[in-house]
Amino acid sequence: MKSHYISLLSAALLWGTAWAGNDNSFYFTDAAVLPGGQTDIELCMAGSAAGLTCLEAEIRLPEGLSLVCDEKGNPVATLYRNRTTAHELLANVLASGNLKLLVSDIDGHPFSGEEGPVLSFRVQAAETTPKGECHVETVGESLLVNTEAEATYSVGITGNVLITDNATGTAGLEAAESGIEAPVFSLSGQRLPKVQNGINIVGKKKISVFRK
């Protein structure tokens, strides 16, 4: 995997930087979690991200949130296969405690679809985390590579995490159904005709809906 990573970066540098400048082509969905609870945060590609083959980012969590790891110490992270083909996900915890993510495909296949979640990673709130809003954020420049092996960067991407006593329910449903023109996706990235029972992504926000 390390040589795979180096070869991708080398290709981007060798073939030039025609895709110049900063292009914030991805975003985090908003999330909510109970103190002491866990939640998944989705990293999504925006509609302008068509043709991307590789994503590399470092993510910093706020105080009171920590990464959930498996028994081997690896971050719990999931790559959504409806958006990828032969892509691989490499997730590591750095010495700083930040999360390092690399999504790549050695054959250069692009991500599928125009918008929606590509992957998720799991976080846990401490029992003592104060209620209110906190933020996950990218550190430095996040590398994006397209099908022409051209590189660009995204900077300053943040996501909102609400620490609350009511992390599920119908919060946000009224706004979602009030005529706001925003695409609705399932967690798997499928476009939905409207908000449905379960967890929806509406206007870059995660909305949990549980109706009888």
N, C-alpha and C. Protein backbone atom coordinates (compact mmCIF):
# COMPACT_ATOMS: atom_id res chain seq x y z
N MET A 1 0.82 -1.21 0.00
CA MET A 1 0.00 0.00 0.00
C MET A 1 0.86 1.25 0.00
N LYS A 2 1.99 1.23 0.71
CA LYS A 2 2.85 2.40 0.75
C LYS A 2 3.39 2.73 -0.63
N SER A 3 3.85 1.71 -1.38
CA SER A 3 4.37 1.95 -2.72
C SER A 3 3.24 2.42 -3.64
N HIS A 4 2.04 1.89 -3.43
CA HIS A 4 0.86 2.33 -4.18
C HIS A 4 0.64 3.82 -3.98
N TYR A 5 0.72 4.27 -2.74
CA TYR A 5 0.52 5.67 -2.39
C TYR A 5 1.58 6.54 -3.05
N ILE A 6 2.85 6.11 -2.98
CA ILE A 6 3.94 6.88 -3.57
C ILE A 6 3.76 6.98 -5.08
N SER A 7 3.33 5.89 -5.73
CA SER A 7 3.18 5.91 -7.18
C SER A 7 2.08 6.87 -7.61
N LEU A 8 1.01 6.97 -6.82
CA LEU A 8 -0.05 7.90 -7.15
C LEU A 8 0.42 9.34 -7.06
N LEU A 9 1.15 9.66 -6.00
CA LEU A 9 1.66 11.00 -5.84
C LEU A 9 2.67 11.32 -6.94
N SER A 10 3.51 10.38 -7.28
CA SER A 10 4.50 10.59 -8.34
C SER A 10 3.81 10.86 -9.67
N ALA A 11 2.74 10.11 -9.96
CA ALA A 11 2.02 10.32 -11.20
C ALA A 11 1.43 11.72 -11.28
N ALA A 12 0.88 12.19 -10.15
CA ALA A 12 0.29 13.52 -10.14
C ALA A 12 1.34 14.58 -10.41
N LEU A 13 2.54 14.40 -9.83
CA LEU A 13 3.59 15.38 -10.01
C LEU A 13 4.18 15.32 -11.42
N LEU A 14 4.34 14.11 -11.96
CA LEU A 14 4.93 13.96 -13.29
C LEU A 14 4.03 14.52 -14.38
N TRP A 15 2.73 14.34 -14.25
CA TRP A 15 1.81 14.74 -15.30
C TRP A 15 1.34 16.18 -15.17
N GLY A 16 1.83 16.87 -14.14
CA GLY A 16 1.59 18.31 -14.10
C GLY A 16 0.51 18.72 -13.14
N THR A 17 0.27 20.04 -13.13
CA THR A 17 -0.69 20.63 -12.20
C THR A 17 -1.69 21.50 -12.97
N ALA A 18 -2.16 20.99 -14.09
CA ALA A 18 -3.11 21.76 -14.89
C ALA A 18 -4.40 22.02 -14.13
N TRP A 19 -4.72 21.14 -13.20
CA TRP A 19 -5.91 21.30 -12.36
C TRP A 19 -5.51 22.15 -11.16
N ALA A 20 -5.20 23.41 -11.40
CA ALA A 20 -4.52 24.23 -10.41
C ALA A 20 -5.49 24.82 -9.40
N GLY A 21 -4.91 25.33 -8.29
CA GLY A 21 -5.68 26.04 -7.30
C GLY A 21 -6.36 25.13 -6.29
N ASN A 22 -7.16 25.76 -5.42
CA ASN A 22 -7.88 25.03 -4.38
C ASN A 22 -9.32 24.80 -4.82
N ASP A 23 -9.80 23.60 -4.66
CA ASP A 23 -11.14 23.24 -5.09
C ASP A 23 -11.78 22.39 -4.01
N ASN A 24 -12.66 22.99 -3.21
CA ASN A 24 -13.28 22.26 -2.10
C ASN A 24 -14.38 21.35 -2.64
N SER A 25 -13.95 20.20 -3.11
CA SER A 25 -14.85 19.28 -3.80
C SER A 25 -15.43 18.23 -2.88
N PHE A 26 -15.18 18.29 -1.59
CA PHE A 26 -15.80 17.34 -0.68
C PHE A 26 -16.21 18.04 0.60
N TYR A 27 -17.05 17.38 1.38
CA TYR A 27 -17.58 17.98 2.60
C TYR A 27 -17.96 16.88 3.57
N PHE A 28 -18.13 17.25 4.83
CA PHE A 28 -18.62 16.34 5.86
C PHE A 28 -20.11 16.57 6.06
N THR A 29 -20.86 15.50 6.30
CA THR A 29 -22.24 15.68 6.73
C THR A 29 -22.24 16.05 8.21
N ASP A 30 -23.26 16.80 8.61
CA ASP A 30 -23.44 17.11 10.02
C ASP A 30 -23.87 15.84 10.75
N ALA A 31 -23.52 15.76 12.03
CA ALA A 31 -23.84 14.57 12.83
C ALA A 31 -24.27 15.01 14.22
N ALA A 32 -24.94 14.12 14.92
CA ALA A 32 -25.35 14.35 16.30
C ALA A 32 -25.04 13.11 17.12
N VAL A 33 -24.67 13.31 18.39
CA VAL A 33 -24.28 12.18 19.23
C VAL A 33 -24.57 12.51 20.69
N LEU A 34 -24.94 11.48 21.45
CA LEU A 34 -25.14 11.62 22.89
C LEU A 34 -23.80 11.65 23.60
N PRO A 35 -23.68 12.35 24.74
CA PRO A 35 -22.46 12.22 25.54
C PRO A 35 -22.20 10.76 25.88
N GLY A 36 -21.00 10.26 25.59
CA GLY A 36 -20.67 8.86 25.81
C GLY A 36 -21.06 7.96 24.65
N GLY A 37 -21.73 8.51 23.64
CA GLY A 37 -22.19 7.72 22.52
C GLY A 37 -21.27 7.78 21.32
N GLN A 38 -21.63 7.03 20.29
CA GLN A 38 -20.85 6.97 19.05
C GLN A 38 -21.72 7.38 17.87
N THR A 39 -21.07 7.90 16.83
CA THR A 39 -21.76 8.23 15.60
C THR A 39 -20.77 8.13 14.44
N ASP A 40 -21.30 7.91 13.24
CA ASP A 40 -20.47 7.88 12.03
C ASP A 40 -20.54 9.23 11.34
N ILE A 41 -19.40 9.70 10.90
CA ILE A 41 -19.32 10.95 10.13
C ILE A 41 -19.00 10.60 8.69
N GLU A 42 -19.82 11.07 7.77
CA GLU A 42 -19.61 10.77 6.35
C GLU A 42 -18.77 11.85 5.68
N LEU A 43 -17.87 11.39 4.82
CA LEU A 43 -17.14 12.29 3.94
C LEU A 43 -17.75 12.13 2.56
N CYS A 44 -18.24 13.22 1.98
CA CYS A 44 -18.99 13.18 0.73
C CYS A 44 -18.27 13.96 -0.36
N MET A 45 -18.44 13.52 -1.60
CA MET A 45 -17.94 14.25 -2.75
C MET A 45 -19.04 15.18 -3.24
N ALA A 46 -18.68 16.41 -3.58
CA ALA A 46 -19.63 17.36 -4.15
C ALA A 46 -19.82 17.08 -5.63
N GLY A 47 -20.86 17.70 -6.23
CA GLY A 47 -21.14 17.48 -7.63
C GLY A 47 -20.01 17.89 -8.54
N SER A 48 -19.18 18.85 -8.09
CA SER A 48 -18.06 19.32 -8.90
C SER A 48 -16.89 18.34 -8.91
N ALA A 49 -17.03 17.23 -8.18
CA ALA A 49 -15.90 16.32 -8.01
C ALA A 49 -15.87 15.19 -9.03
N ALA A 50 -16.67 15.26 -10.09
CA ALA A 50 -16.70 14.20 -11.09
C ALA A 50 -15.30 13.98 -11.67
N GLY A 51 -14.93 12.71 -11.80
CA GLY A 51 -13.63 12.39 -12.38
C GLY A 51 -12.51 12.21 -11.39
N LEU A 52 -12.80 12.31 -10.10
CA LEU A 52 -11.76 12.12 -9.09
C LEU A 52 -11.46 10.63 -8.91
N THR A 53 -10.18 10.31 -8.77
CA THR A 53 -9.76 8.92 -8.59
C THR A 53 -9.12 8.68 -7.24
N CYS A 54 -8.61 9.73 -6.60
CA CYS A 54 -7.84 9.56 -5.37
C CYS A 54 -8.11 10.72 -4.43
N LEU A 55 -8.21 10.41 -3.15
CA LEU A 55 -8.40 11.42 -2.11
C LEU A 55 -7.47 11.10 -0.95
N GLU A 56 -6.77 12.11 -0.47
CA GLU A 56 -5.91 11.93 0.71
C GLU A 56 -6.13 13.12 1.64
N ALA A 57 -6.47 12.84 2.90
CA ALA A 57 -6.80 13.91 3.83
C ALA A 57 -6.38 13.54 5.24
N GLU A 58 -6.06 14.57 6.03
CA GLU A 58 -5.80 14.42 7.46
C GLU A 58 -6.89 15.16 8.21
N ILE A 59 -7.50 14.49 9.19
CA ILE A 59 -8.67 15.04 9.87
C ILE A 59 -8.40 15.15 11.36
N ARG A 60 -8.71 16.32 11.90
CA ARG A 60 -8.52 16.57 13.34
C ARG A 60 -9.88 16.62 14.03
N LEU A 61 -9.96 15.94 15.18
CA LEU A 61 -11.17 15.95 15.98
C LEU A 61 -11.06 16.97 17.09
N PRO A 62 -12.18 17.55 17.52
CA PRO A 62 -12.15 18.49 18.63
C PRO A 62 -11.99 17.77 19.97
N GLU A 63 -11.65 18.52 20.99
CA GLU A 63 -11.55 17.95 22.34
C GLU A 63 -12.92 17.41 22.74
N GLY A 64 -12.92 16.21 23.31
CA GLY A 64 -14.18 15.58 23.71
C GLY A 64 -14.67 14.54 22.73
N LEU A 65 -14.09 14.50 21.51
CA LEU A 65 -14.40 13.46 20.54
C LEU A 65 -13.14 12.66 20.27
N SER A 66 -13.27 11.36 20.10
CA SER A 66 -12.13 10.50 19.80
C SER A 66 -12.51 9.50 18.73
N LEU A 67 -11.51 8.99 18.04
CA LEU A 67 -11.75 7.97 17.02
C LEU A 67 -12.08 6.64 17.67
N VAL A 68 -13.00 5.91 17.10
CA VAL A 68 -13.30 4.55 17.54
C VAL A 68 -12.42 3.60 16.72
N CYS A 69 -11.67 2.73 17.41
CA CYS A 69 -10.76 1.80 16.74
C CYS A 69 -11.18 0.36 17.02
N ASP A 70 -10.78 -0.54 16.13
CA ASP A 70 -11.08 -1.95 16.33
C ASP A 70 -10.05 -2.59 17.25
N GLU A 71 -10.13 -3.92 17.41
CA GLU A 71 -9.24 -4.62 18.35
C GLU A 71 -7.78 -4.56 17.92
N LYS A 72 -7.52 -4.23 16.66
CA LYS A 72 -6.14 -4.11 16.18
C LYS A 72 -5.62 -2.67 16.24
N GLY A 73 -6.46 -1.77 16.72
CA GLY A 73 -6.06 -0.38 16.83
C GLY A 73 -6.28 0.43 15.58
N ASN A 74 -6.97 -0.15 14.60
CA ASN A 74 -7.25 0.58 13.35
C ASN A 74 -8.55 1.36 13.48
N PRO A 75 -8.59 2.57 12.93
CA PRO A 75 -9.83 3.34 12.98
C PRO A 75 -10.97 2.59 12.30
N VAL A 76 -12.16 2.67 12.87
CA VAL A 76 -13.33 2.07 12.25
C VAL A 76 -13.78 3.02 11.14
N ALA A 77 -13.52 2.61 9.90
CA ALA A 77 -13.85 3.43 8.73
C ALA A 77 -14.38 2.52 7.64
N THR A 78 -15.36 3.01 6.89
CA THR A 78 -16.02 2.21 5.87
C THR A 78 -16.02 2.93 4.55
N LEU A 79 -15.60 2.24 3.49
CA LEU A 79 -15.64 2.78 2.13
C LEU A 79 -16.94 2.32 1.47
N TYR A 80 -17.72 3.24 0.94
CA TYR A 80 -19.00 2.91 0.35
C TYR A 80 -18.79 2.38 -1.06
N ARG A 81 -19.07 1.10 -1.26
CA ARG A 81 -18.74 0.44 -2.52
C ARG A 81 -19.63 0.87 -3.68
N ASN A 82 -20.77 1.48 -3.41
CA ASN A 82 -21.59 1.96 -4.52
C ASN A 82 -20.96 3.19 -5.18
N ARG A 83 -19.97 3.80 -4.52
CA ARG A 83 -19.29 4.97 -5.08
C ARG A 83 -17.90 4.63 -5.61
N THR A 84 -17.46 3.39 -5.42
CA THR A 84 -16.09 3.03 -5.78
C THR A 84 -16.09 1.72 -6.54
N THR A 85 -14.97 1.41 -7.18
CA THR A 85 -14.83 0.13 -7.89
C THR A 85 -13.73 -0.68 -7.20
N ALA A 86 -12.51 -0.51 -7.65
CA ALA A 86 -11.40 -1.24 -7.03
C ALA A 86 -10.64 -0.37 -6.04
N HIS A 87 -11.26 0.70 -5.59
CA HIS A 87 -10.59 1.59 -4.65
C HIS A 87 -10.29 0.88 -3.33
N GLU A 88 -9.24 1.33 -2.68
CA GLU A 88 -8.88 0.84 -1.35
C GLU A 88 -8.88 2.01 -0.38
N LEU A 89 -9.20 1.71 0.86
CA LEU A 89 -9.20 2.71 1.93
C LEU A 89 -8.11 2.37 2.92
N LEU A 90 -7.21 3.32 3.15
CA LEU A 90 -6.18 3.19 4.17
C LEU A 90 -6.47 4.24 5.23
N ALA A 91 -6.69 3.80 6.48
CA ALA A 91 -7.00 4.70 7.58
C ALA A 91 -6.02 4.45 8.72
N ASN A 92 -5.34 5.49 9.18
CA ASN A 92 -4.36 5.37 10.25
C ASN A 92 -4.56 6.48 11.27
N VAL A 93 -4.21 6.20 12.51
CA VAL A 93 -4.16 7.23 13.55
C VAL A 93 -2.72 7.71 13.66
N LEU A 94 -2.50 9.00 13.45
CA LEU A 94 -1.16 9.57 13.52
C LEU A 94 -0.75 9.80 14.97
N ALA A 95 0.53 10.09 15.18
CA ALA A 95 1.04 10.34 16.53
C ALA A 95 0.32 11.53 17.17
N SER A 96 -0.13 12.45 16.35
CA SER A 96 -0.86 13.63 16.84
C SER A 96 -2.28 13.30 17.29
N GLY A 97 -2.74 12.08 16.94
CA GLY A 97 -4.12 11.70 17.21
C GLY A 97 -5.06 11.98 16.05
N ASN A 98 -4.53 12.64 15.01
CA ASN A 98 -5.36 12.92 13.84
C ASN A 98 -5.59 11.65 13.02
N LEU A 99 -6.65 11.68 12.24
CA LEU A 99 -6.98 10.57 11.35
C LEU A 99 -6.43 10.85 9.96
N LYS A 100 -5.68 9.90 9.42
CA LYS A 100 -5.15 10.01 8.06
C LYS A 100 -5.92 9.04 7.17
N LEU A 101 -6.50 9.57 6.09
CA LEU A 101 -7.28 8.77 5.17
C LEU A 101 -6.68 8.83 3.77
N LEU A 102 -6.61 7.70 3.11
CA LEU A 102 -6.22 7.64 1.71
C LEU A 102 -7.17 6.70 0.99
N VAL A 103 -7.87 7.22 -0.01
CA VAL A 103 -8.72 6.41 -0.87
C VAL A 103 -8.12 6.46 -2.27
N SER A 104 -7.77 5.32 -2.83
CA SER A 104 -7.08 5.31 -4.11
C SER A 104 -7.38 4.03 -4.88
N ASP A 105 -7.12 4.09 -6.18
CA ASP A 105 -7.30 2.94 -7.07
C ASP A 105 -6.11 2.92 -8.01
N ILE A 106 -5.33 1.86 -7.98
CA ILE A 106 -4.10 1.79 -8.76
C ILE A 106 -4.37 1.86 -10.26
N ASP A 107 -5.58 1.48 -10.70
CA ASP A 107 -5.93 1.54 -12.12
C ASP A 107 -6.58 2.86 -12.53
N GLY A 108 -6.74 3.77 -11.57
CA GLY A 108 -7.23 5.10 -11.91
C GLY A 108 -8.71 5.21 -12.20
N HIS A 109 -9.54 4.30 -11.65
CA HIS A 109 -10.98 4.42 -11.85
C HIS A 109 -11.52 5.61 -11.05
N PRO A 110 -12.44 6.37 -11.61
CA PRO A 110 -13.02 7.50 -10.87
C PRO A 110 -14.10 7.03 -9.89
N PHE A 111 -14.41 7.88 -8.92
CA PHE A 111 -15.54 7.61 -8.05
C PHE A 111 -16.82 7.64 -8.87
N SER A 112 -17.78 6.80 -8.49
CA SER A 112 -19.05 6.72 -9.21
C SER A 112 -20.02 7.78 -8.69
N GLY A 113 -20.91 8.24 -9.58
CA GLY A 113 -21.92 9.20 -9.17
C GLY A 113 -21.39 10.61 -9.12
N GLU A 114 -22.30 11.54 -8.95
CA GLU A 114 -21.93 12.95 -8.96
C GLU A 114 -21.87 13.57 -7.57
N GLU A 115 -22.62 13.01 -6.63
CA GLU A 115 -22.64 13.59 -5.28
C GLU A 115 -23.06 12.53 -4.29
N GLY A 116 -22.57 12.66 -3.06
CA GLY A 116 -22.98 11.74 -2.02
C GLY A 116 -21.81 11.19 -1.23
N PRO A 117 -22.09 10.39 -0.20
CA PRO A 117 -21.05 9.86 0.68
C PRO A 117 -20.10 8.92 -0.04
N VAL A 118 -18.83 9.02 0.30
CA VAL A 118 -17.81 8.10 -0.20
C VAL A 118 -17.33 7.17 0.90
N LEU A 119 -17.22 7.68 2.11
CA LEU A 119 -16.76 6.87 3.23
C LEU A 119 -17.29 7.46 4.52
N SER A 120 -17.16 6.69 5.60
CA SER A 120 -17.51 7.19 6.93
C SER A 120 -16.46 6.72 7.92
N PHE A 121 -16.31 7.46 9.00
CA PHE A 121 -15.45 7.05 10.11
C PHE A 121 -16.21 7.29 11.40
N ARG A 122 -15.92 6.47 12.41
CA ARG A 122 -16.70 6.47 13.64
C ARG A 122 -15.98 7.24 14.75
N VAL A 123 -16.74 8.05 15.45
CA VAL A 123 -16.20 8.82 16.58
C VAL A 123 -17.03 8.55 17.82
N GLN A 124 -16.42 8.81 18.96
CA GLN A 124 -17.12 8.67 20.23
C GLN A 124 -16.97 9.95 21.04
N ALA A 125 -18.07 10.35 21.67
CA ALA A 125 -18.04 11.51 22.57
C ALA A 125 -17.79 11.03 23.99
N ALA A 126 -16.95 11.75 24.70
CA ALA A 126 -16.71 11.42 26.10
C ALA A 126 -17.96 11.72 26.93
N GLU A 127 -18.10 11.02 28.03
CA GLU A 127 -19.25 11.25 28.90
C GLU A 127 -19.31 12.69 29.38
N THR A 128 -18.14 13.31 29.50
CA THR A 128 -18.05 14.67 30.04
C THR A 128 -18.04 15.74 28.95
N THR A 129 -18.19 15.35 27.68
CA THR A 129 -18.18 16.34 26.61
C THR A 129 -19.36 17.30 26.77
N PRO A 130 -19.10 18.61 26.83
CA PRO A 130 -20.21 19.56 27.01
C PRO A 130 -21.18 19.51 25.84
N LYS A 131 -22.47 19.71 26.11
CA LYS A 131 -23.46 19.75 25.05
C LYS A 131 -23.26 21.00 24.21
N GLY A 132 -23.57 20.88 22.95
CA GLY A 132 -23.39 21.99 22.03
C GLY A 132 -22.69 21.52 20.77
N GLU A 133 -22.33 22.46 19.93
CA GLU A 133 -21.75 22.12 18.63
C GLU A 133 -20.23 22.16 18.68
N CYS A 134 -19.60 21.16 18.08
CA CYS A 134 -18.15 21.16 17.91
C CYS A 134 -17.87 20.79 16.45
N HIS A 135 -16.61 20.77 16.08
CA HIS A 135 -16.29 20.64 14.66
C HIS A 135 -15.14 19.67 14.42
N VAL A 136 -15.29 18.85 13.38
CA VAL A 136 -14.17 18.10 12.82
C VAL A 136 -13.64 18.93 11.66
N GLU A 137 -12.35 18.83 11.37
CA GLU A 137 -11.79 19.67 10.31
C GLU A 137 -10.58 19.01 9.68
N THR A 138 -10.35 19.34 8.42
CA THR A 138 -9.16 18.85 7.75
C THR A 138 -7.97 19.69 8.16
N VAL A 139 -6.79 19.08 8.11
CA VAL A 139 -5.55 19.76 8.48
C VAL A 139 -4.74 19.98 7.20
N GLY A 140 -4.34 21.21 6.96
CA GLY A 140 -3.52 21.49 5.79
C GLY A 140 -4.30 21.30 4.50
N GLU A 141 -3.59 20.85 3.47
CA GLU A 141 -4.18 20.67 2.15
C GLU A 141 -4.50 19.20 1.91
N SER A 142 -5.73 18.94 1.51
CA SER A 142 -6.14 17.57 1.16
C SER A 142 -5.93 17.36 -0.33
N LEU A 143 -5.26 16.27 -0.68
CA LEU A 143 -4.90 16.00 -2.07
C LEU A 143 -6.04 15.33 -2.82
N LEU A 144 -6.31 15.81 -4.01
CA LEU A 144 -7.29 15.21 -4.91
C LEU A 144 -6.60 14.97 -6.25
N VAL A 145 -6.81 13.78 -6.82
CA VAL A 145 -6.21 13.45 -8.12
C VAL A 145 -7.33 13.01 -9.05
N ASN A 146 -7.29 13.50 -10.30
CA ASN A 146 -8.34 13.14 -11.25
C ASN A 146 -7.85 12.09 -12.24
N THR A 147 -8.71 11.75 -13.20
CA THR A 147 -8.39 10.67 -14.14
C THR A 147 -7.23 11.01 -15.07
N GLU A 148 -6.88 12.30 -15.17
CA GLU A 148 -5.74 12.72 -15.98
C GLU A 148 -4.47 12.80 -15.16
N ALA A 149 -4.50 12.28 -13.94
CA ALA A 149 -3.36 12.33 -13.02
C ALA A 149 -2.96 13.76 -12.70
N GLU A 150 -3.91 14.67 -12.75
CA GLU A 150 -3.68 16.05 -12.36
C GLU A 150 -4.11 16.22 -10.90
N ALA A 151 -3.34 17.00 -10.16
CA ALA A 151 -3.58 17.14 -8.72
C ALA A 151 -4.11 18.53 -8.40
N THR A 152 -4.99 18.59 -7.43
CA THR A 152 -5.43 19.84 -6.85
C THR A 152 -5.60 19.61 -5.36
N TYR A 153 -6.00 20.64 -4.64
CA TYR A 153 -6.06 20.54 -3.18
C TYR A 153 -7.33 21.18 -2.65
N SER A 154 -7.85 20.63 -1.58
CA SER A 154 -8.94 21.23 -0.83
C SER A 154 -8.42 21.66 0.53
N VAL A 155 -8.87 22.80 1.00
CA VAL A 155 -8.41 23.31 2.29
C VAL A 155 -9.60 23.77 3.13
N GLY A 156 -9.42 23.73 4.44
CA GLY A 156 -10.39 24.30 5.35
C GLY A 156 -11.76 23.65 5.34
N ILE A 157 -11.81 22.31 5.25
CA ILE A 157 -13.11 21.62 5.26
C ILE A 157 -13.49 21.30 6.70
N THR A 158 -14.67 21.70 7.12
CA THR A 158 -15.13 21.44 8.48
C THR A 158 -16.49 20.75 8.46
N GLY A 159 -16.76 20.00 9.51
CA GLY A 159 -18.05 19.36 9.68
C GLY A 159 -18.56 19.61 11.09
N ASN A 160 -19.85 19.73 11.25
CA ASN A 160 -20.46 20.03 12.54
C ASN A 160 -20.91 18.76 13.23
N VAL A 161 -20.60 18.66 14.51
CA VAL A 161 -21.07 17.54 15.34
C VAL A 161 -21.78 18.14 16.55
N LEU A 162 -23.05 17.80 16.71
CA LEU A 162 -23.85 18.32 17.81
C LEU A 162 -23.86 17.31 18.94
N ILE A 163 -23.39 17.72 20.11
CA ILE A 163 -23.48 16.90 21.33
C ILE A 163 -24.81 17.25 21.98
N THR A 164 -25.71 16.26 22.08
CA THR A 164 -27.07 16.57 22.47
C THR A 164 -27.68 15.41 23.24
N ASP A 165 -28.76 15.71 23.97
CA ASP A 165 -29.51 14.66 24.66
C ASP A 165 -30.46 13.93 23.71
N ASN A 166 -30.63 14.44 22.49
CA ASN A 166 -31.57 13.86 21.54
C ASN A 166 -30.89 13.72 20.19
N ALA A 167 -30.03 12.70 20.06
CA ALA A 167 -29.25 12.52 18.84
C ALA A 167 -30.05 11.86 17.74
N THR A 168 -31.23 11.33 18.05
CA THR A 168 -32.11 10.78 17.02
C THR A 168 -33.47 11.41 17.20
N GLY A 169 -34.35 11.11 16.30
CA GLY A 169 -35.69 11.68 16.36
C GLY A 169 -36.01 12.36 15.05
N THR A 170 -36.78 13.47 15.11
CA THR A 170 -37.19 14.16 13.90
C THR A 170 -36.56 15.54 13.80
N ALA A 171 -35.47 15.77 14.50
CA ALA A 171 -34.80 17.07 14.43
C ALA A 171 -34.40 17.35 13.00
N GLY A 172 -34.78 18.51 12.51
CA GLY A 172 -34.43 18.91 11.16
C GLY A 172 -35.41 18.47 10.10
N LEU A 173 -36.39 17.62 10.45
CA LEU A 173 -37.32 17.12 9.45
C LEU A 173 -38.19 18.23 8.90
N GLU A 174 -38.67 19.12 9.77
CA GLU A 174 -39.55 20.20 9.31
C GLU A 174 -38.84 21.06 8.27
N ALA A 175 -37.58 21.39 8.53
CA ALA A 175 -36.82 22.19 7.58
C ALA A 175 -36.61 21.44 6.28
N ALA A 176 -36.36 20.14 6.39
CA ALA A 176 -36.09 19.33 5.20
C ALA A 176 -37.31 19.22 4.31
N GLU A 177 -38.50 19.28 4.90
CA GLU A 177 -39.72 19.10 4.12
C GLU A 177 -40.44 20.41 3.84
N SER A 178 -39.80 21.54 4.11
CA SER A 178 -40.46 22.83 3.99
C SER A 178 -40.23 23.48 2.63
N GLY A 179 -39.75 22.71 1.67
CA GLY A 179 -39.58 23.26 0.33
C GLY A 179 -38.16 23.67 0.03
N ILE A 180 -37.21 23.41 0.93
CA ILE A 180 -35.82 23.72 0.66
C ILE A 180 -35.34 22.85 -0.49
N GLU A 181 -34.75 23.47 -1.48
CA GLU A 181 -34.27 22.72 -2.64
C GLU A 181 -32.89 22.15 -2.33
N ALA A 182 -32.88 20.92 -1.88
CA ALA A 182 -31.62 20.26 -1.55
C ALA A 182 -31.76 18.79 -1.90
N PRO A 183 -30.73 18.17 -2.46
CA PRO A 183 -30.82 16.74 -2.78
C PRO A 183 -30.88 15.90 -1.51
N VAL A 184 -31.56 14.77 -1.58
CA VAL A 184 -31.70 13.86 -0.45
C VAL A 184 -31.01 12.55 -0.83
N PHE A 185 -30.11 12.07 0.04
CA PHE A 185 -29.39 10.83 -0.20
C PHE A 185 -29.54 9.91 1.00
N SER A 186 -29.45 8.60 0.75
CA SER A 186 -29.32 7.63 1.83
C SER A 186 -27.85 7.58 2.24
N LEU A 187 -27.56 6.87 3.34
CA LEU A 187 -26.16 6.77 3.78
C LEU A 187 -25.30 6.05 2.75
N SER A 188 -25.90 5.21 1.93
CA SER A 188 -25.14 4.49 0.90
C SER A 188 -24.91 5.32 -0.35
N GLY A 189 -25.44 6.58 -0.35
CA GLY A 189 -25.22 7.46 -1.48
C GLY A 189 -26.31 7.42 -2.53
N GLN A 190 -27.38 6.65 -2.29
CA GLN A 190 -28.48 6.57 -3.26
C GLN A 190 -29.34 7.82 -3.18
N ARG A 191 -29.62 8.42 -4.33
CA ARG A 191 -30.49 9.60 -4.37
C ARG A 191 -31.92 9.19 -4.07
N LEU A 192 -32.57 9.92 -3.16
CA LEU A 192 -33.93 9.60 -2.75
C LEU A 192 -34.88 10.68 -3.25
N PRO A 193 -36.13 10.31 -3.54
CA PRO A 193 -37.09 11.33 -4.01
C PRO A 193 -37.50 12.30 -2.91
N LYS A 194 -37.44 11.86 -1.65
CA LYS A 194 -37.80 12.72 -0.52
C LYS A 194 -37.21 12.13 0.75
N VAL A 195 -37.33 12.86 1.85
CA VAL A 195 -36.85 12.37 3.14
C VAL A 195 -37.64 11.13 3.53
N GLN A 196 -36.93 10.08 3.97
CA GLN A 196 -37.56 8.83 4.34
C GLN A 196 -37.17 8.43 5.75
N ASN A 197 -37.90 7.44 6.31
CA ASN A 197 -37.55 6.93 7.62
C ASN A 197 -36.11 6.41 7.62
N GLY A 198 -35.42 6.66 8.72
CA GLY A 198 -34.02 6.27 8.83
C GLY A 198 -33.13 7.51 8.80
N ILE A 199 -31.89 7.32 8.38
CA ILE A 199 -30.94 8.43 8.34
C ILE A 199 -30.82 8.93 6.91
N ASN A 200 -31.07 10.22 6.72
CA ASN A 200 -31.00 10.87 5.42
C ASN A 200 -29.89 11.91 5.43
N ILE A 201 -29.36 12.19 4.25
CA ILE A 201 -28.43 13.31 4.09
C ILE A 201 -29.14 14.34 3.22
N VAL A 202 -29.45 15.49 3.84
CA VAL A 202 -30.22 16.53 3.17
C VAL A 202 -29.45 17.84 3.25
N GLY A 203 -29.10 18.38 2.09
CA GLY A 203 -28.39 19.66 2.10
C GLY A 203 -27.13 19.61 2.92
N LYS A 204 -26.38 18.52 2.82
CA LYS A 204 -25.11 18.32 3.51
C LYS A 204 -25.28 18.15 5.02
N LYS A 205 -26.51 17.84 5.48
CA LYS A 205 -26.76 17.57 6.89
C LYS A 205 -27.32 16.17 7.05
N LYS A 206 -26.93 15.50 8.13
CA LYS A 206 -27.48 14.19 8.45
C LYS A 206 -28.74 14.38 9.28
N ILE A 207 -29.85 13.84 8.82
CA ILE A 207 -31.13 13.98 9.51
C ILE A 207 -31.67 12.58 9.81
N SER A 208 -31.94 12.32 11.08
CA SER A 208 -32.51 11.03 11.50
C SER A 208 -34.01 11.18 11.60
N VAL A 209 -34.76 10.33 10.90
CA VAL A 209 -36.21 10.40 10.88
C VAL A 209 -36.77 9.05 11.31
N PHE A 210 -37.59 9.05 12.36
CA PHE A 210 -38.22 7.82 12.82
C PHE A 210 -39.69 8.12 13.06
N ARG A 211 -40.52 7.81 12.07
CA ARG A 211 -41.94 8.10 12.14
C ARG A 211 -42.74 6.81 12.09
N LYS A 212 -43.84 6.76 12.79
CA LYS A 212 -44.71 5.59 12.76
C LYS A 212 -45.64 5.67 11.56
